[in-house]
């Protein structure tokens, strides 16, 4: 999956918490969200001197961010509820990053078919 496919997949499935997402879909999406937030902050600060646009972009990307992370956890055959580990300072984030970097289960699992095979 390339950058543009990951972005369109993220927006097309912004409330889809079922199924699976491959590693590249998650990491390209995170890169897009980071770039969008940085650009919003630069534009916001240059034009208005505040960060209103920055927060609006963050709010607009919140649900798609959660959805793609849940689908990525499904690809590793874990429940999407494990995203709540991010509430544990530092340790939770490290665990999730390690899981996000792992290869997904080969073939179908309880969350659907292999996204690489589709």
PDB file of N, CA and C in Angstrom:
ATOM      1  N   UNK A   1       0.850  -1.174   0.000  1.00  0.00           N
ATOM      2  CA  UNK A   1       0.000   0.000   0.000  1.00  0.00           C
ATOM      3  C   UNK A   1       0.893   1.233   0.000  1.00  0.00           C
ATOM      4  N   UNK A   2       0.581   2.168  -0.874  1.00  0.00           N
ATOM      5  CA  UNK A   2       1.381   3.387  -0.927  1.00  0.00           C
ATOM      6  C   UNK A   2       0.680   4.507  -0.145  1.00  0.00           C
ATOM      7  N   UNK A   3       1.305   5.685  -0.150  1.00  0.00           N
ATOM      8  CA  UNK A   3       0.840   6.813   0.649  1.00  0.00           C
ATOM      9  C   UNK A   3      -0.594   7.197   0.303  1.00  0.00           C
ATOM     10  N   UNK A   4      -0.895   7.381  -0.974  1.00  0.00           N
ATOM     11  CA  UNK A   4      -2.239   7.828  -1.368  1.00  0.00           C
ATOM     12  C   UNK A   4      -3.306   6.769  -1.071  1.00  0.00           C
ATOM     13  N   UNK A   5      -2.961   5.505  -1.247  1.00  0.00           N
ATOM     14  CA  UNK A   5      -3.922   4.443  -0.927  1.00  0.00           C
ATOM     15  C   UNK A   5      -4.202   4.402   0.573  1.00  0.00           C
ATOM     16  N   UNK A   6      -3.172   4.606   1.378  1.00  0.00           N
ATOM     17  CA  UNK A   6      -3.352   4.600   2.832  1.00  0.00           C
ATOM     18  C   UNK A   6      -4.237   5.755   3.284  1.00  0.00           C
ATOM     19  N   UNK A   7      -4.053   6.921   2.665  1.00  0.00           N
ATOM     20  CA  UNK A   7      -4.868   8.076   3.025  1.00  0.00           C
ATOM     21  C   UNK A   7      -6.329   7.842   2.628  1.00  0.00           C
ATOM     22  N   UNK A   8      -6.553   7.369   1.423  1.00  0.00           N
ATOM     23  CA  UNK A   8      -7.937   7.124   0.999  1.00  0.00           C
ATOM     24  C   UNK A   8      -8.567   6.009   1.833  1.00  0.00           C
ATOM     25  N   UNK A   9      -7.793   4.995   2.177  1.00  0.00           N
ATOM     26  CA  UNK A   9      -8.309   3.928   3.032  1.00  0.00           C
ATOM     27  C   UNK A   9      -8.658   4.464   4.415  1.00  0.00           C
ATOM     28  N   UNK A  10      -7.812   5.334   4.938  1.00  0.00           N
ATOM     29  CA  UNK A  10      -8.080   5.913   6.255  1.00  0.00           C
ATOM     30  C   UNK A  10      -9.366   6.723   6.282  1.00  0.00           C
ATOM     31  N   UNK A  11      -9.594   7.531   5.242  1.00  0.00           N
ATOM     32  CA  UNK A  11     -10.814   8.337   5.206  1.00  0.00           C
ATOM     33  C   UNK A  11     -12.035   7.518   4.802  1.00  0.00           C
ATOM     34  N   UNK A  12     -11.872   6.525   3.944  1.00  0.00           N
ATOM     35  CA  UNK A  12     -13.008   5.688   3.547  1.00  0.00           C
ATOM     36  C   UNK A  12     -13.479   4.802   4.689  1.00  0.00           C
ATOM     37  N   UNK A  13     -12.580   4.439   5.585  1.00  0.00           N
ATOM     38  CA  UNK A  13     -12.912   3.556   6.704  1.00  0.00           C
ATOM     39  C   UNK A  13     -12.812   4.276   8.043  1.00  0.00           C
ATOM     40  N   UNK A  14     -13.150   5.566   8.065  1.00  0.00           N
ATOM     41  CA  UNK A  14     -12.905   6.359   9.263  1.00  0.00           C
ATOM     42  C   UNK A  14     -13.744   5.945  10.465  1.00  0.00           C
ATOM     43  N   UNK A  15     -14.811   5.227  10.272  1.00  0.00           N
ATOM     44  CA  UNK A  15     -15.587   4.707  11.398  1.00  0.00           C
ATOM     45  C   UNK A  15     -15.696   3.190  11.340  1.00  0.00           C
ATOM     46  N   UNK A  16     -14.852   2.553  10.556  1.00  0.00           N
ATOM     47  CA  UNK A  16     -14.863   1.105  10.430  1.00  0.00           C
ATOM     48  C   UNK A  16     -13.860   0.509  11.408  1.00  0.00           C
ATOM     49  N   UNK A  17     -14.369  -0.094  12.458  1.00  0.00           N
ATOM     50  CA  UNK A  17     -13.513  -0.701  13.466  1.00  0.00           C
ATOM     51  C   UNK A  17     -13.441  -2.213  13.293  1.00  0.00           C
ATOM     52  N   UNK A  18     -13.903  -2.701  12.151  1.00  0.00           N
ATOM     53  CA  UNK A  18     -13.854  -4.128  11.826  1.00  0.00           C
ATOM     54  C   UNK A  18     -12.843  -4.340  10.714  1.00  0.00           C
ATOM     55  N   UNK A  19     -12.331  -5.541  10.632  1.00  0.00           N
ATOM     56  CA  UNK A  19     -11.388  -5.859   9.579  1.00  0.00           C
ATOM     57  C   UNK A  19      -9.950  -5.638  10.027  1.00  0.00           C
ATOM     58  N   UNK A  20      -9.073  -5.607   9.046  1.00  0.00           N
ATOM     59  CA  UNK A  20      -7.644  -5.555   9.333  1.00  0.00           C
ATOM     60  C   UNK A  20      -6.976  -4.478   8.478  1.00  0.00           C
ATOM     61  N   UNK A  21      -5.873  -3.948   8.990  1.00  0.00           N
ATOM     62  CA  UNK A  21      -5.080  -2.968   8.250  1.00  0.00           C
ATOM     63  C   UNK A  21      -3.625  -3.403   8.305  1.00  0.00           C
ATOM     64  N   UNK A  22      -2.969  -3.406   7.163  1.00  0.00           N
ATOM     65  CA  UNK A  22      -1.567  -3.824   7.127  1.00  0.00           C
ATOM     66  C   UNK A  22      -0.668  -2.727   7.697  1.00  0.00           C
ATOM     67  N   UNK A  23       0.577  -3.102   7.963  1.00  0.00           N
ATOM     68  CA  UNK A  23       1.525  -2.171   8.574  1.00  0.00           C
ATOM     69  C   UNK A  23       1.656  -0.881   7.793  1.00  0.00           C
ATOM     70  N   UNK A  24       1.804  -0.988   6.477  1.00  0.00           N
ATOM     71  CA  UNK A  24       2.021   0.214   5.680  1.00  0.00           C
ATOM     72  C   UNK A  24       0.832   1.165   5.766  1.00  0.00           C
ATOM     73  N   UNK A  25      -0.378   0.631   5.881  1.00  0.00           N
ATOM     74  CA  UNK A  25      -1.560   1.488   5.991  1.00  0.00           C
ATOM     75  C   UNK A  25      -1.485   2.344   7.252  1.00  0.00           C
ATOM     76  N   UNK A  26      -1.084   1.739   8.354  1.00  0.00           N
ATOM     77  CA  UNK A  26      -0.982   2.477   9.610  1.00  0.00           C
ATOM     78  C   UNK A  26       0.127   3.520   9.553  1.00  0.00           C
ATOM     79  N   UNK A  27       1.315   3.129   9.115  1.00  0.00           N
ATOM     80  CA  UNK A  27       2.454   4.050   9.171  1.00  0.00           C
ATOM     81  C   UNK A  27       2.332   5.179   8.168  1.00  0.00           C
ATOM     82  N   UNK A  28       1.774   4.914   6.988  1.00  0.00           N
ATOM     83  CA  UNK A  28       1.533   6.001   6.040  1.00  0.00           C
ATOM     84  C   UNK A  28       0.476   6.946   6.603  1.00  0.00           C
ATOM     85  N   UNK A  29      -0.544   6.412   7.260  1.00  0.00           N
ATOM     86  CA  UNK A  29      -1.578   7.246   7.854  1.00  0.00           C
ATOM     87  C   UNK A  29      -0.985   8.127   8.955  1.00  0.00           C
ATOM     88  N   UNK A  30      -0.136   7.559   9.804  1.00  0.00           N
ATOM     89  CA  UNK A  30       0.485   8.333  10.874  1.00  0.00           C
ATOM     90  C   UNK A  30       1.347   9.451  10.291  1.00  0.00           C
ATOM     91  N   UNK A  31       2.075   9.159   9.216  1.00  0.00           N
ATOM     92  CA  UNK A  31       2.872  10.197   8.556  1.00  0.00           C
ATOM     93  C   UNK A  31       1.972  11.304   8.029  1.00  0.00           C
ATOM     94  N   UNK A  32       0.875  10.951   7.383  1.00  0.00           N
ATOM     95  CA  UNK A  32      -0.074  11.939   6.870  1.00  0.00           C
ATOM     96  C   UNK A  32      -0.622  12.803   7.994  1.00  0.00           C
ATOM     97  N   UNK A  33      -1.039  12.172   9.093  1.00  0.00           N
ATOM     98  CA  UNK A  33      -1.611  12.919  10.217  1.00  0.00           C
ATOM     99  C   UNK A  33      -0.575  13.869  10.816  1.00  0.00           C
ATOM    100  N   UNK A  34       0.668  13.418  10.919  1.00  0.00           N
ATOM    101  CA  UNK A  34       1.734  14.262  11.451  1.00  0.00           C
ATOM    102  C   UNK A  34       1.965  15.471  10.549  1.00  0.00           C
ATOM    103  N   UNK A  35       2.059  15.239   9.243  1.00  0.00           N
ATOM    104  CA  UNK A  35       2.280  16.336   8.290  1.00  0.00           C
ATOM    105  C   UNK A  35       1.106  17.314   8.329  1.00  0.00           C
ATOM    106  N   UNK A  36      -0.118  16.790   8.381  1.00  0.00           N
ATOM    107  CA  UNK A  36      -1.303  17.651   8.421  1.00  0.00           C
ATOM    108  C   UNK A  36      -1.296  18.530   9.665  1.00  0.00           C
ATOM    109  N   UNK A  37      -0.920  17.959  10.803  1.00  0.00           N
ATOM    110  CA  UNK A  37      -0.890  18.729  12.051  1.00  0.00           C
ATOM    111  C   UNK A  37       0.210  19.783  12.026  1.00  0.00           C
ATOM    112  N   UNK A  38       1.369  19.438  11.490  1.00  0.00           N
ATOM    113  CA  UNK A  38       2.461  20.410  11.415  1.00  0.00           C
ATOM    114  C   UNK A  38       2.081  21.564  10.489  1.00  0.00           C
ATOM    115  N   UNK A  39       1.528  21.249   9.319  1.00  0.00           N
ATOM    116  CA  UNK A  39       1.106  22.302   8.395  1.00  0.00           C
ATOM    117  C   UNK A  39       0.011  23.174   8.999  1.00  0.00           C
ATOM    118  N   UNK A  40      -0.930  22.556   9.695  1.00  0.00           N
ATOM    119  CA  UNK A  40      -1.993  23.325  10.337  1.00  0.00           C
ATOM    120  C   UNK A  40      -1.420  24.251  11.401  1.00  0.00           C
ATOM    121  N   UNK A  41      -0.446  23.778  12.160  1.00  0.00           N
ATOM    122  CA  UNK A  41       0.176  24.611  13.189  1.00  0.00           C
ATOM    123  C   UNK A  41       0.928  25.782  12.571  1.00  0.00           C
ATOM    124  N   UNK A  42       1.649  25.521  11.493  1.00  0.00           N
ATOM    125  CA  UNK A  42       2.404  26.593  10.829  1.00  0.00           C
ATOM    126  C   UNK A  42       1.454  27.639  10.254  1.00  0.00           C
ATOM    127  N   UNK A  43       0.439  27.194   9.544  1.00  0.00           N
ATOM    128  CA  UNK A  43      -0.534  28.118   8.944  1.00  0.00           C
ATOM    129  C   UNK A  43      -1.266  28.891  10.031  1.00  0.00           C
ATOM    130  N   UNK A  44      -1.686  28.169  11.050  1.00  0.00           N
ATOM    131  CA  UNK A  44      -2.425  28.788  12.142  1.00  0.00           C
ATOM    132  C   UNK A  44      -1.606  29.864  12.845  1.00  0.00           C
ATOM    133  N   UNK A  45      -0.399  29.546  13.172  1.00  0.00           N
ATOM    134  CA  UNK A  45       0.443  30.500  13.892  1.00  0.00           C
ATOM    135  C   UNK A  45       0.807  31.692  13.017  1.00  0.00           C
ATOM    136  N   UNK A  46       1.051  31.434  11.726  1.00  0.00           N
ATOM    137  CA  UNK A  46       1.418  32.517  10.815  1.00  0.00           C
ATOM    138  C   UNK A  46       0.249  33.472  10.576  1.00  0.00           C
ATOM    139  N   UNK A  47      -0.955  32.935  10.467  1.00  0.00           N
ATOM    140  CA  UNK A  47      -2.105  33.779  10.157  1.00  0.00           C
ATOM    141  C   UNK A  47      -2.790  34.368  11.386  1.00  0.00           C
ATOM    142  N   UNK A  48      -2.914  33.566  12.418  1.00  0.00           N
ATOM    143  CA  UNK A  48      -3.737  33.981  13.547  1.00  0.00           C
ATOM    144  C   UNK A  48      -2.974  34.124  14.865  1.00  0.00           C
ATOM    145  N   UNK A  49      -1.802  33.536  14.966  1.00  0.00           N
ATOM    146  CA  UNK A  49      -1.052  33.587  16.219  1.00  0.00           C
ATOM    147  C   UNK A  49      -1.591  32.654  17.288  1.00  0.00           C
ATOM    148  N   UNK A  50      -2.528  31.797  16.924  1.00  0.00           N
ATOM    149  CA  UNK A  50      -3.075  30.814  17.858  1.00  0.00           C
ATOM    150  C   UNK A  50      -3.029  29.436  17.194  1.00  0.00           C
ATOM    151  N   UNK A  51      -3.591  28.454  17.845  1.00  0.00           N
ATOM    152  CA  UNK A  51      -3.577  27.096  17.301  1.00  0.00           C
ATOM    153  C   UNK A  51      -4.982  26.523  17.134  1.00  0.00           C
ATOM    154  N   UNK A  52      -5.924  27.323  16.677  1.00  0.00           N
ATOM    155  CA  UNK A  52      -7.301  26.865  16.489  1.00  0.00           C
ATOM    156  C   UNK A  52      -7.372  25.829  15.363  1.00  0.00           C
ATOM    157  N   UNK A  53      -6.784  26.119  14.214  1.00  0.00           N
ATOM    158  CA  UNK A  53      -6.801  25.191  13.076  1.00  0.00           C
ATOM    159  C   UNK A  53      -6.093  23.881  13.434  1.00  0.00           C
ATOM    160  N   UNK A  54      -5.012  23.980  14.180  1.00  0.00           N
ATOM    161  CA  UNK A  54      -4.267  22.808  14.632  1.00  0.00           C
ATOM    162  C   UNK A  54      -5.179  21.858  15.411  1.00  0.00           C
ATOM    163  N   UNK A  55      -5.943  22.420  16.343  1.00  0.00           N
ATOM    164  CA  UNK A  55      -6.841  21.585  17.150  1.00  0.00           C
ATOM    165  C   UNK A  55      -8.006  21.042  16.325  1.00  0.00           C
ATOM    166  N   UNK A  56      -8.487  21.807  15.365  1.00  0.00           N
ATOM    167  CA  UNK A  56      -9.565  21.323  14.504  1.00  0.00           C
ATOM    168  C   UNK A  56      -9.099  20.160  13.626  1.00  0.00           C
ATOM    169  N   UNK A  57      -7.873  20.249  13.101  1.00  0.00           N
ATOM    170  CA  UNK A  57      -7.325  19.148  12.306  1.00  0.00           C
ATOM    171  C   UNK A  57      -7.149  17.909  13.196  1.00  0.00           C
ATOM    172  N   UNK A  58      -6.632  18.117  14.397  1.00  0.00           N
ATOM    173  CA  UNK A  58      -6.472  17.004  15.333  1.00  0.00           C
ATOM    174  C   UNK A  58      -7.791  16.343  15.679  1.00  0.00           C
ATOM    175  N   UNK A  59      -8.808  17.159  15.887  1.00  0.00           N
ATOM    176  CA  UNK A  59     -10.136  16.630  16.194  1.00  0.00           C
ATOM    177  C   UNK A  59     -10.720  15.890  14.994  1.00  0.00           C
ATOM    178  N   UNK A  60     -10.502  16.426  13.795  1.00  0.00           N
ATOM    179  CA  UNK A  60     -11.008  15.786  12.588  1.00  0.00           C
ATOM    180  C   UNK A  60     -10.324  14.467  12.278  1.00  0.00           C
ATOM    181  N   UNK A  61      -9.078  14.319  12.696  1.00  0.00           N
ATOM    182  CA  UNK A  61      -8.329  13.086  12.427  1.00  0.00           C
ATOM    183  C   UNK A  61      -8.388  12.089  13.582  1.00  0.00           C
ATOM    184  N   UNK A  62      -9.029  12.469  14.683  1.00  0.00           N
ATOM    185  CA  UNK A  62      -9.063  11.598  15.859  1.00  0.00           C
ATOM    186  C   UNK A  62      -9.734  10.255  15.577  1.00  0.00           C
ATOM    187  N   UNK A  63     -10.937  10.283  15.039  1.00  0.00           N
ATOM    188  CA  UNK A  63     -11.670   9.041  14.780  1.00  0.00           C
ATOM    189  C   UNK A  63     -10.978   8.157  13.739  1.00  0.00           C
ATOM    190  N   UNK A  64     -10.507   8.716  12.606  1.00  0.00           N
ATOM    191  CA  UNK A  64      -9.764   7.862  11.667  1.00  0.00           C
ATOM    192  C   UNK A  64      -8.482   7.290  12.276  1.00  0.00           C
ATOM    193  N   UNK A  65      -7.803   8.054  13.138  1.00  0.00           N
ATOM    194  CA  UNK A  65      -6.601   7.545  13.805  1.00  0.00           C
ATOM    195  C   UNK A  65      -6.928   6.327  14.660  1.00  0.00           C
ATOM    196  N   UNK A  66      -7.979   6.436  15.447  1.00  0.00           N
ATOM    197  CA  UNK A  66      -8.375   5.321  16.311  1.00  0.00           C
ATOM    198  C   UNK A  66      -8.775   4.114  15.465  1.00  0.00           C
ATOM    199  N   UNK A  67      -9.541   4.354  14.399  1.00  0.00           N
ATOM    200  CA  UNK A  67     -10.024   3.252  13.566  1.00  0.00           C
ATOM    201  C   UNK A  67      -8.878   2.499  12.910  1.00  0.00           C
ATOM    202  N   UNK A  68      -7.894   3.204  12.357  1.00  0.00           N
ATOM    203  CA  UNK A  68      -6.786   2.512  11.685  1.00  0.00           C
ATOM    204  C   UNK A  68      -5.921   1.772  12.706  1.00  0.00           C
ATOM    205  N   UNK A  69      -5.780   2.310  13.903  1.00  0.00           N
ATOM    206  CA  UNK A  69      -5.009   1.610  14.930  1.00  0.00           C
ATOM    207  C   UNK A  69      -5.725   0.347  15.411  1.00  0.00           C
ATOM    208  N   UNK A  70      -7.036   0.413  15.532  1.00  0.00           N
ATOM    209  CA  UNK A  70      -7.807  -0.775  15.928  1.00  0.00           C
ATOM    210  C   UNK A  70      -7.703  -1.843  14.846  1.00  0.00           C
ATOM    211  N   UNK A  71      -7.833  -1.443  13.577  1.00  0.00           N
ATOM    212  CA  UNK A  71      -7.716  -2.427  12.494  1.00  0.00           C
ATOM    213  C   UNK A  71      -6.307  -3.011  12.434  1.00  0.00           C
ATOM    214  N   UNK A  72      -5.291  -2.220  12.772  1.00  0.00           N
ATOM    215  CA  UNK A  72      -3.916  -2.741  12.801  1.00  0.00           C
ATOM    216  C   UNK A  72      -3.764  -3.773  13.919  1.00  0.00           C
ATOM    217  N   UNK A  73      -4.351  -3.501  15.082  1.00  0.00           N
ATOM    218  CA  UNK A  73      -4.325  -4.486  16.166  1.00  0.00           C
ATOM    219  C   UNK A  73      -5.048  -5.762  15.742  1.00  0.00           C
ATOM    220  N   UNK A  74      -6.128  -5.625  15.002  1.00  0.00           N
ATOM    221  CA  UNK A  74      -6.838  -6.806  14.492  1.00  0.00           C
ATOM    222  C   UNK A  74      -5.937  -7.615  13.562  1.00  0.00           C
ATOM    223  N   UNK A  75      -5.097  -6.940  12.786  1.00  0.00           N
ATOM    224  CA  UNK A  75      -4.201  -7.653  11.870  1.00  0.00           C
ATOM    225  C   UNK A  75      -3.203  -8.513  12.638  1.00  0.00           C
ATOM    226  N   UNK A  76      -2.843  -8.094  13.841  1.00  0.00           N
ATOM    227  CA  UNK A  76      -1.934  -8.885  14.673  1.00  0.00           C
ATOM    228  C   UNK A  76      -2.709  -9.855  15.570  1.00  0.00           C
ATOM    229  N   UNK A  77      -4.011 -10.037  15.280  1.00  0.00           N
ATOM    230  CA  UNK A  77      -4.904 -10.953  15.996  1.00  0.00           C
ATOM    231  C   UNK A  77      -5.083 -10.567  17.468  1.00  0.00           C
ATOM    232  N   UNK A  78      -5.170  -9.262  17.702  1.00  0.00           N
ATOM    233  CA  UNK A  78      -5.436  -8.757  19.043  1.00  0.00           C
ATOM    234  C   UNK A  78      -6.735  -7.963  19.014  1.00  0.00           C
ATOM    235  N   UNK A  79      -7.345  -7.839  20.160  1.00  0.00           N
ATOM    236  CA  UNK A  79      -8.569  -7.062  20.275  1.00  0.00           C
ATOM    237  C   UNK A  79      -8.263  -5.574  20.112  1.00  0.00           C
ATOM    238  N   UNK A  80      -9.194  -4.852  19.542  1.00  0.00           N
ATOM    239  CA  UNK A  80      -9.035  -3.418  19.402  1.00  0.00           C
ATOM    240  C   UNK A  80      -9.029  -2.689  20.736  1.00  0.00           C
ATOM    241  N   UNK A  81      -9.537  -3.337  21.760  1.00  0.00           N
ATOM    242  CA  UNK A  81      -9.554  -2.721  23.085  1.00  0.00           C
ATOM    243  C   UNK A  81      -8.148  -2.519  23.644  1.00  0.00           C
ATOM    244  N   UNK A  82      -7.168  -3.212  23.066  1.00  0.00           N
ATOM    245  CA  UNK A  82      -5.798  -3.017  23.524  1.00  0.00           C
ATOM    246  C   UNK A  82      -5.301  -1.598  23.248  1.00  0.00           C
ATOM    247  N   UNK A  83      -6.021  -0.837  22.445  1.00  0.00           N
ATOM    248  CA  UNK A  83      -5.644   0.557  22.198  1.00  0.00           C
ATOM    249  C   UNK A  83      -5.687   1.360  23.500  1.00  0.00           C
ATOM    250  N   UNK A  84      -6.444   0.877  24.466  1.00  0.00           N
ATOM    251  CA  UNK A  84      -6.506   1.549  25.763  1.00  0.00           C
ATOM    252  C   UNK A  84      -5.182   1.481  26.513  1.00  0.00           C
ATOM    253  N   UNK A  85      -4.257   0.622  26.060  1.00  0.00           N
ATOM    254  CA  UNK A  85      -2.921   0.613  26.656  1.00  0.00           C
ATOM    255  C   UNK A  85      -2.232   1.965  26.513  1.00  0.00           C
ATOM    256  N   UNK A  86      -2.658   2.740  25.529  1.00  0.00           N
ATOM    257  CA  UNK A  86      -2.056   4.060  25.327  1.00  0.00           C
ATOM    258  C   UNK A  86      -2.326   4.988  26.504  1.00  0.00           C
ATOM    259  N   UNK A  87      -3.262   4.639  27.366  1.00  0.00           N
ATOM    260  CA  UNK A  87      -3.539   5.441  28.553  1.00  0.00           C
ATOM    261  C   UNK A  87      -2.499   5.232  29.647  1.00  0.00           C
ATOM    262  N   UNK A  88      -1.688   4.177  29.529  1.00  0.00           N
ATOM    263  CA  UNK A  88      -0.604   3.937  30.484  1.00  0.00           C
ATOM    264  C   UNK A  88       0.610   4.725  29.988  1.00  0.00           C
ATOM    265  N   UNK A  89       1.073   5.681  30.762  1.00  0.00           N
ATOM    266  CA  UNK A  89       2.189   6.518  30.287  1.00  0.00           C
ATOM    267  C   UNK A  89       3.413   5.696  29.909  1.00  0.00           C
ATOM    268  N   UNK A  90       3.995   6.004  28.797  1.00  0.00           N
ATOM    269  CA  UNK A  90       5.218   5.465  28.229  1.00  0.00           C
ATOM    270  C   UNK A  90       5.165   3.967  27.938  1.00  0.00           C
ATOM    271  N   UNK A  91       4.880   3.151  28.945  1.00  0.00           N
ATOM    272  CA  UNK A  91       4.888   1.699  28.760  1.00  0.00           C
ATOM    273  C   UNK A  91       3.823   1.270  27.754  1.00  0.00           C
ATOM    274  N   UNK A  92       2.632   1.823  27.876  1.00  0.00           N
ATOM    275  CA  UNK A  92       1.556   1.474  26.955  1.00  0.00           C
ATOM    276  C   UNK A  92       1.896   1.835  25.521  1.00  0.00           C
ATOM    277  N   UNK A  93       2.480   3.013  25.330  1.00  0.00           N
ATOM    278  CA  UNK A  93       2.861   3.444  23.977  1.00  0.00           C
ATOM    279  C   UNK A  93       3.937   2.536  23.397  1.00  0.00           C
ATOM    280  N   UNK A  94       4.885   2.142  24.206  1.00  0.00           N
ATOM    281  CA  UNK A  94       5.961   1.263  23.731  1.00  0.00           C
ATOM    282  C   UNK A  94       5.399  -0.088  23.317  1.00  0.00           C
ATOM    283  N   UNK A  95       4.515  -0.647  24.122  1.00  0.00           N
ATOM    284  CA  UNK A  95       3.900  -1.938  23.788  1.00  0.00           C
ATOM    285  C   UNK A  95       3.140  -1.836  22.474  1.00  0.00           C
ATOM    286  N   UNK A  96       2.349  -0.780  22.315  1.00  0.00           N
ATOM    287  CA  UNK A  96       1.570  -0.616  21.086  1.00  0.00           C
ATOM    288  C   UNK A  96       2.474  -0.433  19.870  1.00  0.00           C
ATOM    289  N   UNK A  97       3.538   0.328  19.993  1.00  0.00           N
ATOM    290  CA  UNK A  97       4.450   0.516  18.861  1.00  0.00           C
ATOM    291  C   UNK A  97       5.079  -0.806  18.452  1.00  0.00           C
ATOM    292  N   UNK A  98       5.461  -1.610  19.420  1.00  0.00           N
ATOM    293  CA  UNK A  98       6.032  -2.927  19.108  1.00  0.00           C
ATOM    294  C   UNK A  98       5.004  -3.780  18.372  1.00  0.00           C
ATOM    295  N   UNK A  99       3.770  -3.777  18.833  1.00  0.00           N
ATOM    296  CA  UNK A  99       2.721  -4.556  18.166  1.00  0.00           C
ATOM    297  C   UNK A  99       2.427  -4.019  16.775  1.00  0.00           C
ATOM    298  N   UNK A 100       2.432  -2.699  16.615  1.00  0.00           N
ATOM    299  CA  UNK A 100       2.180  -2.105  15.302  1.00  0.00           C
ATOM    300  C   UNK A 100       3.278  -2.451  14.307  1.00  0.00           C
ATOM    301  N   UNK A 101       4.483  -2.688  14.802  1.00  0.00           N
ATOM    302  CA  UNK A 101       5.611  -3.023  13.917  1.00  0.00           C
ATOM    303  C   UNK A 101       5.654  -4.499  13.549  1.00  0.00           C
ATOM    304  N   UNK A 102       4.946  -5.332  14.283  1.00  0.00           N
ATOM    305  CA  UNK A 102       4.961  -6.762  14.007  1.00  0.00           C
ATOM    306  C   UNK A 102       4.190  -7.085  12.734  1.00  0.00           C
ATOM    307  N   UNK A 103       4.617  -8.158  12.098  1.00  0.00           N
ATOM    308  CA  UNK A 103       3.905  -8.653  10.919  1.00  0.00           C
ATOM    309  C   UNK A 103       2.537  -9.177  11.358  1.00  0.00           C
ATOM    310  N   UNK A 104       1.537  -8.947  10.536  1.00  0.00           N
ATOM    311  CA  UNK A 104       0.199  -9.453  10.824  1.00  0.00           C
ATOM    312  C   UNK A 104       0.148 -10.958  10.655  1.00  0.00           C
ATOM    313  N   UNK A 105      -0.900 -11.563  11.168  1.00  0.00           N
ATOM    314  CA  UNK A 105      -1.036 -13.009  11.036  1.00  0.00           C
ATOM    315  C   UNK A 105      -1.256 -13.366   9.573  1.00  0.00           C
ATOM    316  N   UNK A 106      -0.600 -14.422   9.145  1.00  0.00           N
ATOM    317  CA  UNK A 106      -0.736 -14.877   7.755  1.00  0.00           C
ATOM    318  C   UNK A 106      -2.094 -15.554   7.591  1.00  0.00           C
ATOM    319  N   UNK A 107      -2.746 -15.257   6.503  1.00  0.00           N
ATOM    320  CA  UNK A 107      -4.056 -15.844   6.259  1.00  0.00           C
ATOM    321  C   UNK A 107      -5.127 -15.176   7.099  1.00  0.00           C
ATOM    322  N   UNK A 108      -6.299 -15.749   7.059  1.00  0.00           N
ATOM    323  CA  UNK A 108      -7.430 -15.186   7.791  1.00  0.00           C
ATOM    324  C   UNK A 108      -7.263 -15.420   9.287  1.00  0.00           C
ATOM    325  N   UNK A 109      -7.752 -14.479  10.073  1.00  0.00           N
ATOM    326  CA  UNK A 109      -7.837 -14.680  11.516  1.00  0.00           C
ATOM    327  C   UNK A 109      -9.255 -14.327  11.943  1.00  0.00           C
ATOM    328  N   UNK A 110      -9.492 -14.224  13.239  1.00  0.00           N
ATOM    329  CA  UNK A 110     -10.858 -13.996  13.730  1.00  0.00           C
ATOM    330  C   UNK A 110     -11.424 -12.631  13.318  1.00  0.00           C
ATOM    331  N   UNK A 111     -10.571 -11.740  12.801  1.00  0.00           N
ATOM    332  CA  UNK A 111     -11.016 -10.391  12.435  1.00  0.00           C
ATOM    333  C   UNK A 111     -11.177 -10.215  10.924  1.00  0.00           C
ATOM    334  N   UNK A 112     -10.916 -11.254  10.154  1.00  0.00           N
ATOM    335  CA  UNK A 112     -11.134 -11.154   8.724  1.00  0.00           C
ATOM    336  C   UNK A 112      -9.988 -11.709   7.901  1.00  0.00           C
ATOM    337  N   UNK A 113     -10.083 -11.553   6.589  1.00  0.00           N
ATOM    338  CA  UNK A 113      -9.048 -12.080   5.697  1.00  0.00           C
ATOM    339  C   UNK A 113      -7.775 -11.227   5.755  1.00  0.00           C
ATOM    340  N   UNK A 114      -6.700 -11.820   5.304  1.00  0.00           N
ATOM    341  CA  UNK A 114      -5.407 -11.141   5.267  1.00  0.00           C
ATOM    342  C   UNK A 114      -5.464  -9.958   4.300  1.00  0.00           C
ATOM    343  N   UNK A 115      -5.137  -8.728   4.760  1.00  0.00           N
ATOM    344  CA  UNK A 115      -5.209  -7.578   3.849  1.00  0.00           C
ATOM    345  C   UNK A 115      -4.162  -7.629   2.750  1.00  0.00           C
ATOM    346  N   UNK A 116      -3.089  -8.373   2.932  1.00  0.00           N
ATOM    347  CA  UNK A 116      -2.084  -8.508   1.887  1.00  0.00           C
ATOM    348  C   UNK A 116      -2.579  -9.381   0.744  1.00  0.00           C
ATOM    349  N   UNK A 117      -3.502 -10.288   1.041  1.00  0.00           N
ATOM    350  CA  UNK A 117      -4.030 -11.183   0.020  1.00  0.00           C
ATOM    351  C   UNK A 117      -5.126 -10.497  -0.803  1.00  0.00           C
ATOM    352  N   UNK A 118      -5.686  -9.428  -0.276  1.00  0.00           N
ATOM    353  CA  UNK A 118      -6.784  -8.748  -0.984  1.00  0.00           C
ATOM    354  C   UNK A 118      -6.290  -7.835  -2.077  1.00  0.00           C
TER     355      UNK A 118
END
